[in-house]
Amino acid sequence: MASVNQNPQVKVNPLPESAKHSAELFLSLATGPMLVGVISLNRIGSWLQQVGEASEEVFRGARLPILPFPDTPPSSSND
C-alpha cells in the first residue's frame, strides 16, 4: 500500500502561533456558556418532568378532596 506522503522531505506547514492562540482563546471563551447551557437545559428538563407529574396527579384525582355525598332516602313506592 502506498503512503499518502510520497516525498518525506516535504513538511506540512502547521498553523502559525497567533492562530493557535486565538483558537485556544475562542475555545476557552465558549466553554463557560456551553456548560451553563447544558446545566440549564438539564434543570429545565427536570422541572418540566416534575410539573408533568404534578399535573398527572391532579388529573388522576389523587390530590382532590373527597366530597361527602348525601345518602339517598329510600324511595316510597305507591302500592
Protein backbone atom coordinates (compact mmCIF):
# COMPACT_ATOMS: atom_id res chain seq x y z
CA MET A 1 0.00 0.00 0.00
CA ALA A 2 1.44 3.37 -0.96
CA SER A 3 1.73 6.02 1.73
CA VAL A 4 -0.03 9.33 1.39
CA ASN A 5 3.14 11.39 1.69
CA GLN A 6 5.30 10.29 -1.27
CA ASN A 7 8.10 12.77 -0.58
CA PRO A 8 9.28 12.63 3.06
CA GLN A 9 11.21 15.89 2.56
CA VAL A 10 8.04 17.97 2.20
CA LYS A 11 6.60 19.16 5.51
CA VAL A 12 3.09 20.44 6.06
CA ASN A 13 3.04 23.92 7.49
CA PRO A 14 1.20 23.94 10.83
CA LEU A 15 -0.90 26.88 11.88
CA PRO A 16 1.01 30.00 12.89
CA GLU A 17 1.37 30.69 16.61
CA SER A 18 -1.15 33.55 16.54
CA ALA A 19 -3.82 31.28 15.03
CA LYS A 20 -3.15 28.61 17.68
CA HIS A 21 -3.55 31.14 20.47
CA SER A 22 -6.70 32.67 19.01
CA ALA A 23 -8.29 29.21 18.58
CA GLU A 24 -7.46 28.34 22.19
CA LEU A 25 -8.88 31.69 23.31
CA PHE A 26 -12.15 31.15 21.43
CA LEU A 27 -12.45 27.63 22.77
CA SER A 28 -11.88 28.76 26.34
CA LEU A 29 -14.39 31.59 25.94
CA ALA A 30 -17.02 29.24 24.52
CA THR A 31 -16.63 26.64 27.28
CA GLY A 32 -18.41 28.65 30.00
CA PRO A 33 -21.59 29.44 28.09
CA MET A 34 -21.74 25.89 26.78
CA LEU A 35 -21.59 24.45 30.31
CA VAL A 36 -24.20 26.93 31.52
CA GLY A 37 -26.46 25.95 28.63
CA VAL A 38 -26.11 22.22 29.31
CA ILE A 39 -26.79 22.65 33.02
CA SER A 40 -29.74 24.96 32.33
CA LEU A 41 -31.31 22.51 29.90
CA ASN A 42 -30.88 19.74 32.46
CA ARG A 43 -32.61 21.81 35.16
CA ILE A 44 -35.43 22.88 32.82
CA GLY A 45 -35.98 19.27 31.78
CA SER A 46 -36.23 18.06 35.36
CA TRP A 47 -38.56 20.94 36.23
CA LEU A 48 -40.84 20.12 33.29
CA GLN A 49 -40.89 16.49 34.37
CA GLN A 50 -41.93 17.48 37.90
CA VAL A 51 -44.68 19.76 36.54
CA GLY A 52 -45.93 16.93 34.34
CA GLU A 53 -46.03 14.51 37.26
CA ALA A 54 -47.87 17.04 39.43
CA SER A 55 -50.47 17.70 36.73
CA GLU A 56 -50.91 13.97 36.28
CA GLU A 57 -51.70 13.67 39.99
CA VAL A 58 -54.29 16.43 39.76
CA PHE A 59 -55.99 14.93 36.72
CA ARG A 60 -55.97 11.50 38.32
CA GLY A 61 -57.69 12.94 41.38
CA ALA A 62 -55.15 11.87 43.98
CA ARG A 63 -54.97 15.36 45.44
CA LEU A 64 -58.62 16.28 45.15
CA PRO A 65 -60.70 16.37 48.33
CA ILE A 66 -63.20 13.62 48.99
CA LEU A 67 -66.69 15.07 48.68
CA PRO A 68 -69.35 13.84 51.09
CA PHE A 69 -72.31 12.58 49.07
CA PRO A 70 -75.66 12.57 50.85
CA ASP A 71 -77.31 9.23 51.27
CA THR A 72 -80.36 8.88 49.10
CA PRO A 73 -83.51 8.40 51.15
CA PRO A 74 -85.41 5.23 50.44
CA SER A 75 -87.99 5.89 47.82
CA SER A 76 -91.56 5.28 48.83
CA SER A 77 -93.43 3.31 46.29
CA ASN A 78 -97.18 3.71 45.77
CA ASP A 79 -98.63 0.25 46.07
